[in-house]
Amino acid sequence: MIEDAVAGDDDARAWDERLGWAFGLVADDPAERAVALARLVRARQGVEGAFDRYNTAWRLTLPLGTTERYRHPDVLRAYQLIHEARRYALPDCLWNRHEVEELGAWPGM
């Protein structure tokens, strides 16, 4: 389900659009580094907010059984939001990537 939604999103162009700013984290220019660091902070806040929403949905579905909770539309949507937010933040974007035969061939490297 979620994996299907991002199946074509791991090419080099998509990677650059999502995370090209990360090169600024190691830039020599302090202003460029500051911009990249601010972007990283916002991305991390987005991930934390998505986890907060997921935890809220999980708590609200507490009366349901475990299987029903995992299938509840609010929980599923909150999980999708976590996945989406993590695609734009470091180091999260490096986890759960598509498998490639050679790591060096992965556009995210």
PDB file of N, CA and C in Angstrom:
ATOM      1  N   MET A   1       0.827  -1.182   0.000  1.00  0.00           N
ATOM      2  CA  MET A   1       0.000   0.000   0.000  1.00  0.00           C
ATOM      3  C   MET A   1       0.874   1.249   0.000  1.00  0.00           C
ATOM      4  N   ILE A   2       1.572   1.538   1.063  1.00  0.00           N
ATOM      5  CA  ILE A   2       2.421   2.728   1.107  1.00  0.00           C
ATOM      6  C   ILE A   2       3.607   2.550   0.174  1.00  0.00           C
ATOM      7  N   GLU A   3       4.148   1.337   0.111  1.00  0.00           N
ATOM      8  CA  GLU A   3       5.272   1.099  -0.769  1.00  0.00           C
ATOM      9  C   GLU A   3       4.884   1.368  -2.215  1.00  0.00           C
ATOM     10  N   ASP A   4       3.651   1.012  -2.603  1.00  0.00           N
ATOM     11  CA  ASP A   4       3.180   1.251  -3.960  1.00  0.00           C
ATOM     12  C   ASP A   4       3.127   2.734  -4.274  1.00  0.00           C
ATOM     13  N   ALA A   5       2.794   3.550  -3.286  1.00  0.00           N
ATOM     14  CA  ALA A   5       2.636   4.983  -3.495  1.00  0.00           C
ATOM     15  C   ALA A   5       3.960   5.660  -3.813  1.00  0.00           C
ATOM     16  N   VAL A   6       5.075   5.071  -3.416  1.00  0.00           N
ATOM     17  CA  VAL A   6       6.365   5.708  -3.637  1.00  0.00           C
ATOM     18  C   VAL A   6       7.252   4.903  -4.577  1.00  0.00           C
ATOM     19  N   ALA A   7       6.678   3.923  -5.263  1.00  0.00           N
ATOM     20  CA  ALA A   7       7.487   3.033  -6.095  1.00  0.00           C
ATOM     21  C   ALA A   7       8.319   3.780  -7.128  1.00  0.00           C
ATOM     22  N   GLY A   8       7.793   4.847  -7.736  1.00  0.00           N
ATOM     23  CA  GLY A   8       8.538   5.566  -8.750  1.00  0.00           C
ATOM     24  C   GLY A   8       9.220   6.813  -8.237  1.00  0.00           C
ATOM     25  N   ASP A   9       9.251   7.019  -6.951  1.00  0.00           N
ATOM     26  CA  ASP A   9       9.757   8.267  -6.386  1.00  0.00           C
ATOM     27  C   ASP A   9      11.218   8.227  -5.984  1.00  0.00           C
ATOM     28  N   ASP A  10      11.929   7.184  -6.305  1.00  0.00           N
ATOM     29  CA  ASP A  10      13.300   7.080  -5.835  1.00  0.00           C
ATOM     30  C   ASP A  10      14.311   7.324  -6.944  1.00  0.00           C
ATOM     31  N   ASP A  11      13.912   8.026  -8.018  1.00  0.00           N
ATOM     32  CA  ASP A  11      14.891   8.335  -9.053  1.00  0.00           C
ATOM     33  C   ASP A  11      15.711   9.557  -8.636  1.00  0.00           C
ATOM     34  N   ALA A  12      16.762   9.841  -9.370  1.00  0.00           N
ATOM     35  CA  ALA A  12      17.690  10.908  -8.991  1.00  0.00           C
ATOM     36  C   ALA A  12      17.013  12.273  -8.956  1.00  0.00           C
ATOM     37  N   ARG A  13      16.118  12.552  -9.896  1.00  0.00           N
ATOM     38  CA  ARG A  13      15.449  13.849  -9.935  1.00  0.00           C
ATOM     39  C   ARG A  13      14.574  14.035  -8.698  1.00  0.00           C
ATOM     40  N   ALA A  14      13.814  13.013  -8.359  1.00  0.00           N
ATOM     41  CA  ALA A  14      12.950  13.095  -7.179  1.00  0.00           C
ATOM     42  C   ALA A  14      13.782  13.248  -5.916  1.00  0.00           C
ATOM     43  N   TRP A  15      14.894  12.533  -5.862  1.00  0.00           N
ATOM     44  CA  TRP A  15      15.785  12.636  -4.697  1.00  0.00           C
ATOM     45  C   TRP A  15      16.302  14.061  -4.556  1.00  0.00           C
ATOM     46  N   ASP A  16      16.738  14.663  -5.661  1.00  0.00           N
ATOM     47  CA  ASP A  16      17.235  16.044  -5.626  1.00  0.00           C
ATOM     48  C   ASP A  16      16.158  17.019  -5.181  1.00  0.00           C
ATOM     49  N   GLU A  17      14.944  16.840  -5.669  1.00  0.00           N
ATOM     50  CA  GLU A  17      13.859  17.740  -5.289  1.00  0.00           C
ATOM     51  C   GLU A  17      13.543  17.644  -3.806  1.00  0.00           C
ATOM     52  N   ARG A  18      13.606  16.437  -3.269  1.00  0.00           N
ATOM     53  CA  ARG A  18      13.289  16.248  -1.858  1.00  0.00           C
ATOM     54  C   ARG A  18      14.436  16.629  -0.939  1.00  0.00           C
ATOM     55  N   LEU A  19      15.662  16.295  -1.337  1.00  0.00           N
ATOM     56  CA  LEU A  19      16.770  16.378  -0.389  1.00  0.00           C
ATOM     57  C   LEU A  19      18.028  17.062  -0.912  1.00  0.00           C
ATOM     58  N   GLY A  20      17.936  17.718  -2.033  1.00  0.00           N
ATOM     59  CA  GLY A  20      19.100  18.413  -2.566  1.00  0.00           C
ATOM     60  C   GLY A  20      19.650  19.449  -1.598  1.00  0.00           C
ATOM     61  N   TRP A  21      18.787  20.017  -0.783  1.00  0.00           N
ATOM     62  CA  TRP A  21      19.193  21.015   0.209  1.00  0.00           C
ATOM     63  C   TRP A  21      20.207  20.450   1.202  1.00  0.00           C
ATOM     64  N   ALA A  22      20.223  19.137   1.398  1.00  0.00           N
ATOM     65  CA  ALA A  22      21.071  18.519   2.420  1.00  0.00           C
ATOM     66  C   ALA A  22      22.554  18.741   2.142  1.00  0.00           C
ATOM     67  N   PHE A  23      22.927  18.968   0.877  1.00  0.00           N
ATOM     68  CA  PHE A  23      24.329  19.239   0.575  1.00  0.00           C
ATOM     69  C   PHE A  23      24.795  20.502   1.297  1.00  0.00           C
ATOM     70  N   GLY A  24      23.879  21.411   1.551  1.00  0.00           N
ATOM     71  CA  GLY A  24      24.219  22.632   2.267  1.00  0.00           C
ATOM     72  C   GLY A  24      24.686  22.385   3.689  1.00  0.00           C
ATOM     73  N   LEU A  25      24.348  21.245   4.248  1.00  0.00           N
ATOM     74  CA  LEU A  25      24.779  20.934   5.615  1.00  0.00           C
ATOM     75  C   LEU A  25      26.297  20.830   5.733  1.00  0.00           C
ATOM     76  N   VAL A  26      26.964  20.548   4.625  1.00  0.00           N
ATOM     77  CA  VAL A  26      28.418  20.428   4.648  1.00  0.00           C
ATOM     78  C   VAL A  26      29.083  21.508   3.790  1.00  0.00           C
ATOM     79  N   ALA A  27      28.339  22.540   3.469  1.00  0.00           N
ATOM     80  CA  ALA A  27      28.881  23.623   2.646  1.00  0.00           C
ATOM     81  C   ALA A  27      29.907  24.447   3.424  1.00  0.00           C
ATOM     82  N   ASP A  28      30.843  25.030   2.710  1.00  0.00           N
ATOM     83  CA  ASP A  28      31.830  25.909   3.328  1.00  0.00           C
ATOM     84  C   ASP A  28      31.219  27.238   3.754  1.00  0.00           C
ATOM     85  N   ASP A  29      30.202  27.669   3.037  1.00  0.00           N
ATOM     86  CA  ASP A  29      29.550  28.952   3.296  1.00  0.00           C
ATOM     87  C   ASP A  29      28.635  28.837   4.523  1.00  0.00           C
ATOM     88  N   PRO A  30      28.910  29.597   5.587  1.00  0.00           N
ATOM     89  CA  PRO A  30      28.087  29.521   6.795  1.00  0.00           C
ATOM     90  C   PRO A  30      26.614  29.863   6.544  1.00  0.00           C
ATOM     91  N   ALA A  31      26.350  30.791   5.638  1.00  0.00           N
ATOM     92  CA  ALA A  31      24.955  31.151   5.346  1.00  0.00           C
ATOM     93  C   ALA A  31      24.221  29.985   4.688  1.00  0.00           C
ATOM     94  N   GLU A  32      24.887  29.313   3.760  1.00  0.00           N
ATOM     95  CA  GLU A  32      24.278  28.146   3.104  1.00  0.00           C
ATOM     96  C   GLU A  32      24.038  27.026   4.112  1.00  0.00           C
ATOM     97  N   ARG A  33      25.007  26.836   5.020  1.00  0.00           N
ATOM     98  CA  ARG A  33      24.841  25.824   6.073  1.00  0.00           C
ATOM     99  C   ARG A  33      23.674  26.167   6.974  1.00  0.00           C
ATOM    100  N   ALA A  34      23.527  27.445   7.322  1.00  0.00           N
ATOM    101  CA  ALA A  34      22.432  27.868   8.204  1.00  0.00           C
ATOM    102  C   ALA A  34      21.078  27.616   7.549  1.00  0.00           C
ATOM    103  N   VAL A  35      20.968  27.882   6.265  1.00  0.00           N
ATOM    104  CA  VAL A  35      19.713  27.632   5.542  1.00  0.00           C
ATOM    105  C   VAL A  35      19.395  26.139   5.546  1.00  0.00           C
ATOM    106  N   ALA A  36      20.400  25.318   5.260  1.00  0.00           N
ATOM    107  CA  ALA A  36      20.193  23.863   5.237  1.00  0.00           C
ATOM    108  C   ALA A  36      19.841  23.339   6.625  1.00  0.00           C
ATOM    109  N   LEU A  37      20.503  23.861   7.647  1.00  0.00           N
ATOM    110  CA  LEU A  37      20.204  23.433   9.010  1.00  0.00           C
ATOM    111  C   LEU A  37      18.776  23.806   9.403  1.00  0.00           C
ATOM    112  N   ALA A  38      18.343  24.995   9.029  1.00  0.00           N
ATOM    113  CA  ALA A  38      16.962  25.404   9.316  1.00  0.00           C
ATOM    114  C   ALA A  38      15.975  24.484   8.601  1.00  0.00           C
ATOM    115  N   ARG A  39      16.296  24.092   7.383  1.00  0.00           N
ATOM    116  CA  ARG A  39      15.419  23.187   6.643  1.00  0.00           C
ATOM    117  C   ARG A  39      15.376  21.821   7.313  1.00  0.00           C
ATOM    118  N   LEU A  40      16.523  21.365   7.799  1.00  0.00           N
ATOM    119  CA  LEU A  40      16.566  20.093   8.513  1.00  0.00           C
ATOM    120  C   LEU A  40      15.720  20.154   9.777  1.00  0.00           C
ATOM    121  N   VAL A  41      15.810  21.242  10.507  1.00  0.00           N
ATOM    122  CA  VAL A  41      15.017  21.404  11.733  1.00  0.00           C
ATOM    123  C   VAL A  41      13.524  21.341  11.400  1.00  0.00           C
ATOM    124  N   ARG A  42      13.106  22.033  10.335  1.00  0.00           N
ATOM    125  CA  ARG A  42      11.686  21.998   9.934  1.00  0.00           C
ATOM    126  C   ARG A  42      11.262  20.590   9.530  1.00  0.00           C
ATOM    127  N   ALA A  43      12.135  19.897   8.810  1.00  0.00           N
ATOM    128  CA  ALA A  43      11.815  18.532   8.391  1.00  0.00           C
ATOM    129  C   ALA A  43      11.686  17.615   9.598  1.00  0.00           C
ATOM    130  N   ARG A  44      12.592  17.758  10.563  1.00  0.00           N
ATOM    131  CA  ARG A  44      12.524  16.930  11.780  1.00  0.00           C
ATOM    132  C   ARG A  44      11.248  17.245  12.566  1.00  0.00           C
ATOM    133  N   GLN A  45      10.871  18.523  12.617  1.00  0.00           N
ATOM    134  CA  GLN A  45       9.624  18.893  13.293  1.00  0.00           C
ATOM    135  C   GLN A  45       8.432  18.261  12.594  1.00  0.00           C
ATOM    136  N   GLY A  46       8.488  18.181  11.272  1.00  0.00           N
ATOM    137  CA  GLY A  46       7.417  17.530  10.522  1.00  0.00           C
ATOM    138  C   GLY A  46       7.293  16.053  10.861  1.00  0.00           C
ATOM    139  N   VAL A  47       8.432  15.397  11.013  1.00  0.00           N
ATOM    140  CA  VAL A  47       8.427  13.977  11.384  1.00  0.00           C
ATOM    141  C   VAL A  47       7.861  13.813  12.792  1.00  0.00           C
ATOM    142  N   GLU A  48       8.323  14.648  13.710  1.00  0.00           N
ATOM    143  CA  GLU A  48       7.826  14.560  15.094  1.00  0.00           C
ATOM    144  C   GLU A  48       6.320  14.826  15.153  1.00  0.00           C
ATOM    145  N   GLY A  49       5.847  15.800  14.385  1.00  0.00           N
ATOM    146  CA  GLY A  49       4.413  16.090  14.342  1.00  0.00           C
ATOM    147  C   GLY A  49       3.619  14.931  13.775  1.00  0.00           C
ATOM    148  N   ALA A  50       4.162  14.277  12.758  1.00  0.00           N
ATOM    149  CA  ALA A  50       3.476  13.120  12.167  1.00  0.00           C
ATOM    150  C   ALA A  50       3.388  11.975  13.176  1.00  0.00           C
ATOM    151  N   PHE A  51       4.461  11.760  13.942  1.00  0.00           N
ATOM    152  CA  PHE A  51       4.419  10.725  14.979  1.00  0.00           C
ATOM    153  C   PHE A  51       3.410  11.092  16.070  1.00  0.00           C
ATOM    154  N   ASP A  52       3.317  12.360  16.412  1.00  0.00           N
ATOM    155  CA  ASP A  52       2.325  12.798  17.405  1.00  0.00           C
ATOM    156  C   ASP A  52       0.910  12.494  16.910  1.00  0.00           C
ATOM    157  N   ARG A  53       0.641  12.788  15.629  1.00  0.00           N
ATOM    158  CA  ARG A  53      -0.685  12.507  15.066  1.00  0.00           C
ATOM    159  C   ARG A  53      -0.975  11.012  15.069  1.00  0.00           C
ATOM    160  N   TYR A  54       0.036  10.214  14.737  1.00  0.00           N
ATOM    161  CA  TYR A  54      -0.139   8.765  14.743  1.00  0.00           C
ATOM    162  C   TYR A  54      -0.454   8.269  16.154  1.00  0.00           C
ATOM    163  N   ASN A  55       0.303   8.745  17.128  1.00  0.00           N
ATOM    164  CA  ASN A  55       0.072   8.312  18.506  1.00  0.00           C
ATOM    165  C   ASN A  55      -1.313   8.723  18.994  1.00  0.00           C
ATOM    166  N   THR A  56      -1.778   9.889  18.585  1.00  0.00           N
ATOM    167  CA  THR A  56      -3.133  10.323  18.951  1.00  0.00           C
ATOM    168  C   THR A  56      -4.165   9.397  18.336  1.00  0.00           C
ATOM    169  N   ALA A  57      -4.007   9.090  17.054  1.00  0.00           N
ATOM    170  CA  ALA A  57      -4.944   8.175  16.386  1.00  0.00           C
ATOM    171  C   ALA A  57      -4.913   6.803  17.045  1.00  0.00           C
ATOM    172  N   TRP A  58      -3.731   6.367  17.417  1.00  0.00           N
ATOM    173  CA  TRP A  58      -3.593   5.058  18.066  1.00  0.00           C
ATOM    174  C   TRP A  58      -4.335   5.052  19.410  1.00  0.00           C
ATOM    175  N   ARG A  59      -4.151   6.107  20.186  1.00  0.00           N
ATOM    176  CA  ARG A  59      -4.837   6.179  21.489  1.00  0.00           C
ATOM    177  C   ARG A  59      -6.353   6.242  21.325  1.00  0.00           C
ATOM    178  N   LEU A  60      -6.817   6.991  20.328  1.00  0.00           N
ATOM    179  CA  LEU A  60      -8.260   7.131  20.120  1.00  0.00           C
ATOM    180  C   LEU A  60      -8.916   5.832  19.672  1.00  0.00           C
ATOM    181  N   THR A  61      -8.143   4.935  19.104  1.00  0.00           N
ATOM    182  CA  THR A  61      -8.697   3.650  18.655  1.00  0.00           C
ATOM    183  C   THR A  61      -8.435   2.539  19.666  1.00  0.00           C
ATOM    184  N   LEU A  62      -8.028   2.912  20.861  1.00  0.00           N
ATOM    185  CA  LEU A  62      -7.715   1.944  21.913  1.00  0.00           C
ATOM    186  C   LEU A  62      -8.841   0.927  22.160  1.00  0.00           C
ATOM    187  N   PRO A  63     -10.110   1.343  22.133  1.00  0.00           N
ATOM    188  CA  PRO A  63     -11.165   0.354  22.398  1.00  0.00           C
ATOM    189  C   PRO A  63     -11.257  -0.764  21.351  1.00  0.00           C
ATOM    190  N   LEU A  64     -10.706  -0.553  20.179  1.00  0.00           N
ATOM    191  CA  LEU A  64     -10.742  -1.584  19.144  1.00  0.00           C
ATOM    192  C   LEU A  64      -9.711  -2.658  19.440  1.00  0.00           C
ATOM    193  N   GLY A  65      -9.871  -3.806  18.834  1.00  0.00           N
ATOM    194  CA  GLY A  65      -8.854  -4.847  18.939  1.00  0.00           C
ATOM    195  C   GLY A  65      -7.638  -4.449  18.115  1.00  0.00           C
ATOM    196  N   THR A  66      -6.540  -5.153  18.328  1.00  0.00           N
ATOM    197  CA  THR A  66      -5.286  -4.806  17.662  1.00  0.00           C
ATOM    198  C   THR A  66      -5.422  -4.806  16.148  1.00  0.00           C
ATOM    199  N   THR A  67      -6.000  -5.844  15.581  1.00  0.00           N
ATOM    200  CA  THR A  67      -6.147  -5.924  14.128  1.00  0.00           C
ATOM    201  C   THR A  67      -6.982  -4.767  13.605  1.00  0.00           C
ATOM    202  N   GLU A  68      -8.078  -4.476  14.287  1.00  0.00           N
ATOM    203  CA  GLU A  68      -8.945  -3.384  13.853  1.00  0.00           C
ATOM    204  C   GLU A  68      -8.243  -2.033  13.951  1.00  0.00           C
ATOM    205  N   ARG A  69      -7.418  -1.871  14.954  1.00  0.00           N
ATOM    206  CA  ARG A  69      -6.680  -0.605  15.105  1.00  0.00           C
ATOM    207  C   ARG A  69      -5.749  -0.380  13.924  1.00  0.00           C
ATOM    208  N   TYR A  70      -5.022  -1.429  13.536  1.00  0.00           N
ATOM    209  CA  TYR A  70      -4.093  -1.288  12.417  1.00  0.00           C
ATOM    210  C   TYR A  70      -4.820  -1.021  11.101  1.00  0.00           C
ATOM    211  N   ARG A  71      -6.073  -1.394  10.999  1.00  0.00           N
ATOM    212  CA  ARG A  71      -6.845  -1.191   9.774  1.00  0.00           C
ATOM    213  C   ARG A  71      -7.707   0.061   9.810  1.00  0.00           C
ATOM    214  N   HIS A  72      -7.777   0.714  10.936  1.00  0.00           N
ATOM    215  CA  HIS A  72      -8.635   1.898  11.075  1.00  0.00           C
ATOM    216  C   HIS A  72      -8.133   3.001  10.142  1.00  0.00           C
ATOM    217  N   PRO A  73      -9.047   3.656   9.410  1.00  0.00           N
ATOM    218  CA  PRO A  73      -8.631   4.693   8.453  1.00  0.00           C
ATOM    219  C   PRO A  73      -7.793   5.817   9.067  1.00  0.00           C
ATOM    220  N   ASP A  74      -8.086   6.231  10.286  1.00  0.00           N
ATOM    221  CA  ASP A  74      -7.310   7.302  10.918  1.00  0.00           C
ATOM    222  C   ASP A  74      -5.872   6.857  11.216  1.00  0.00           C
ATOM    223  N   VAL A  75      -5.722   5.622  11.655  1.00  0.00           N
ATOM    224  CA  VAL A  75      -4.393   5.088  11.940  1.00  0.00           C
ATOM    225  C   VAL A  75      -3.615   4.909  10.637  1.00  0.00           C
ATOM    226  N   LEU A  76      -4.270   4.375   9.607  1.00  0.00           N
ATOM    227  CA  LEU A  76      -3.602   4.198   8.320  1.00  0.00           C
ATOM    228  C   LEU A  76      -3.158   5.530   7.731  1.00  0.00           C
ATOM    229  N   ARG A  77      -4.019   6.536   7.806  1.00  0.00           N
ATOM    230  CA  ARG A  77      -3.669   7.857   7.277  1.00  0.00           C
ATOM    231  C   ARG A  77      -2.525   8.469   8.081  1.00  0.00           C
ATOM    232  N   ALA A  78      -2.557   8.337   9.378  1.00  0.00           N
ATOM    233  CA  ALA A  78      -1.484   8.874  10.215  1.00  0.00           C
ATOM    234  C   ALA A  78      -0.161   8.185   9.893  1.00  0.00           C
ATOM    235  N   TYR A  79      -0.207   6.892   9.632  1.00  0.00           N
ATOM    236  CA  TYR A  79       1.007   6.165   9.257  1.00  0.00           C
ATOM    237  C   TYR A  79       1.541   6.676   7.918  1.00  0.00           C
ATOM    238  N   GLN A  80       0.641   6.925   6.972  1.00  0.00           N
ATOM    239  CA  GLN A  80       1.065   7.463   5.679  1.00  0.00           C
ATOM    240  C   GLN A  80       1.735   8.828   5.850  1.00  0.00           C
ATOM    241  N   LEU A  81       1.209   9.640   6.760  1.00  0.00           N
ATOM    242  CA  LEU A  81       1.801  10.951   7.006  1.00  0.00           C
ATOM    243  C   LEU A  81       3.209  10.835   7.585  1.00  0.00           C
ATOM    244  N   ILE A  82       3.430   9.844   8.441  1.00  0.00           N
ATOM    245  CA  ILE A  82       4.779   9.593   8.962  1.00  0.00           C
ATOM    246  C   ILE A  82       5.709   9.240   7.814  1.00  0.00           C
ATOM    247  N   HIS A  83       5.271   8.314   6.993  1.00  0.00           N
ATOM    248  CA  HIS A  83       6.094   7.869   5.869  1.00  0.00           C
ATOM    249  C   HIS A  83       6.440   9.043   4.958  1.00  0.00           C
ATOM    250  N   GLU A  84       5.470   9.873   4.653  1.00  0.00           N
ATOM    251  CA  GLU A  84       5.697  11.027   3.781  1.00  0.00           C
ATOM    252  C   GLU A  84       6.668  12.024   4.426  1.00  0.00           C
ATOM    253  N   ALA A  85       6.466  12.339   5.683  1.00  0.00           N
ATOM    254  CA  ALA A  85       7.338  13.298   6.361  1.00  0.00           C
ATOM    255  C   ALA A  85       8.776  12.790   6.423  1.00  0.00           C
ATOM    256  N   ARG A  86       8.943  11.503   6.621  1.00  0.00           N
ATOM    257  CA  ARG A  86      10.283  10.933   6.745  1.00  0.00           C
ATOM    258  C   ARG A  86      11.051  10.973   5.438  1.00  0.00           C
ATOM    259  N   ARG A  87      10.357  11.055   4.318  1.00  0.00           N
ATOM    260  CA  ARG A  87      11.017  11.120   3.017  1.00  0.00           C
ATOM    261  C   ARG A  87      11.765  12.434   2.826  1.00  0.00           C
ATOM    262  N   TYR A  88      11.445  13.453   3.625  1.00  0.00           N
ATOM    263  CA  TYR A  88      12.033  14.783   3.482  1.00  0.00           C
ATOM    264  C   TYR A  88      13.008  15.138   4.595  1.00  0.00           C
ATOM    265  N   ALA A  89      13.295  14.186   5.473  1.00  0.00           N
ATOM    266  CA  ALA A  89      14.137  14.474   6.635  1.00  0.00           C
ATOM    267  C   ALA A  89      15.295  13.491   6.727  1.00  0.00           C
ATOM    268  N   LEU A  90      16.396  13.996   7.219  1.00  0.00           N
ATOM    269  CA  LEU A  90      17.542  13.139   7.504  1.00  0.00           C
ATOM    270  C   LEU A  90      17.511  12.765   8.980  1.00  0.00           C
ATOM    271  N   PRO A  91      17.903  11.586   9.354  1.00  0.00           N
ATOM    272  CA  PRO A  91      18.379  10.488   8.522  1.00  0.00           C
ATOM    273  C   PRO A  91      17.260   9.593   8.013  1.00  0.00           C
ATOM    274  N   ASP A  92      16.013   9.911   8.353  1.00  0.00           N
ATOM    275  CA  ASP A  92      14.883   9.043   8.044  1.00  0.00           C
ATOM    276  C   ASP A  92      14.790   8.635   6.582  1.00  0.00           C
ATOM    277  N   CYS A  93      15.109   9.558   5.671  1.00  0.00           N
ATOM    278  CA  CYS A  93      14.965   9.281   4.246  1.00  0.00           C
ATOM    279  C   CYS A  93      15.857   8.143   3.784  1.00  0.00           C
ATOM    280  N   LEU A  94      16.855   7.799   4.559  1.00  0.00           N
ATOM    281  CA  LEU A  94      17.758   6.721   4.177  1.00  0.00           C
ATOM    282  C   LEU A  94      17.241   5.346   4.578  1.00  0.00           C
ATOM    283  N   TRP A  95      16.235   5.289   5.442  1.00  0.00           N
ATOM    284  CA  TRP A  95      15.685   4.015   5.897  1.00  0.00           C
ATOM    285  C   TRP A  95      14.530   3.650   4.971  1.00  0.00           C
ATOM    286  N   ASN A  96      14.199   2.382   4.932  1.00  0.00           N
ATOM    287  CA  ASN A  96      13.060   1.870   4.173  1.00  0.00           C
ATOM    288  C   ASN A  96      13.088   2.297   2.712  1.00  0.00           C
ATOM    289  N   ARG A  97      14.252   2.399   2.157  1.00  0.00           N
ATOM    290  CA  ARG A  97      14.364   2.741   0.747  1.00  0.00           C
ATOM    291  C   ARG A  97      14.138   1.479  -0.074  1.00  0.00           C
ATOM    292  N   HIS A  98      13.961   1.667  -1.354  1.00  0.00           N
ATOM    293  CA  HIS A  98      13.791   0.518  -2.237  1.00  0.00           C
ATOM    294  C   HIS A  98      15.099  -0.250  -2.331  1.00  0.00           C
ATOM    295  N   GLU A  99      14.990  -1.539  -2.390  1.00  0.00           N
ATOM    296  CA  GLU A  99      16.193  -2.353  -2.495  1.00  0.00           C
ATOM    297  C   GLU A  99      16.784  -2.223  -3.892  1.00  0.00           C
ATOM    298  N   VAL A 100      18.061  -2.127  -3.958  1.00  0.00           N
ATOM    299  CA  VAL A 100      18.788  -2.094  -5.225  1.00  0.00           C
ATOM    300  C   VAL A 100      19.892  -3.129  -5.140  1.00  0.00           C
ATOM    301  N   GLU A 101      20.274  -3.657  -6.295  1.00  0.00           N
ATOM    302  CA  GLU A 101      21.325  -4.670  -6.279  1.00  0.00           C
ATOM    303  C   GLU A 101      22.648  -4.101  -5.794  1.00  0.00           C
ATOM    304  N   GLU A 102      22.993  -2.925  -6.302  1.00  0.00           N
ATOM    305  CA  GLU A 102      24.243  -2.289  -5.887  1.00  0.00           C
ATOM    306  C   GLU A 102      23.911  -0.980  -5.192  1.00  0.00           C
ATOM    307  N   LEU A 103      24.349  -0.835  -3.966  1.00  0.00           N
ATOM    308  CA  LEU A 103      24.052   0.381  -3.210  1.00  0.00           C
ATOM    309  C   LEU A 103      24.560   1.620  -3.938  1.00  0.00           C
ATOM    310  N   GLY A 104      25.694   1.525  -4.590  1.00  0.00           N
ATOM    311  CA  GLY A 104      26.247   2.652  -5.329  1.00  0.00           C
ATOM    312  C   GLY A 104      25.393   3.072  -6.513  1.00  0.00           C
ATOM    313  N   ALA A 105      24.493   2.222  -6.965  1.00  0.00           N
ATOM    314  CA  ALA A 105      23.613   2.546  -8.103  1.00  0.00           C
ATOM    315  C   ALA A 105      22.331   3.231  -7.637  1.00  0.00           C
ATOM    316  N   TRP A 106      22.087   3.253  -6.348  1.00  0.00           N
ATOM    317  CA  TRP A 106      20.865   3.883  -5.819  1.00  0.00           C
ATOM    318  C   TRP A 106      20.979   5.388  -5.983  1.00  0.00           C
ATOM    319  N   PRO A 107      19.977   6.052  -6.590  1.00  0.00           N
ATOM    320  CA  PRO A 107      20.049   7.501  -6.820  1.00  0.00           C
ATOM    321  C   PRO A 107      20.196   8.307  -5.541  1.00  0.00           C
ATOM    322  N   GLY A 108      19.863   7.742  -4.404  1.00  0.00           N
ATOM    323  CA  GLY A 108      19.983   8.474  -3.154  1.00  0.00           C
ATOM    324  C   GLY A 108      21.409   8.579  -2.640  1.00  0.00           C
ATOM    325  N   MET A 109      22.344   7.913  -3.275  1.00  0.00           N
ATOM    326  CA  MET A 109      23.733   7.967  -2.818  1.00  0.00           C
ATOM    327  C   MET A 109      24.457   9.105  -3.482  1.00  0.00           C
TER     328      MET A 109
END
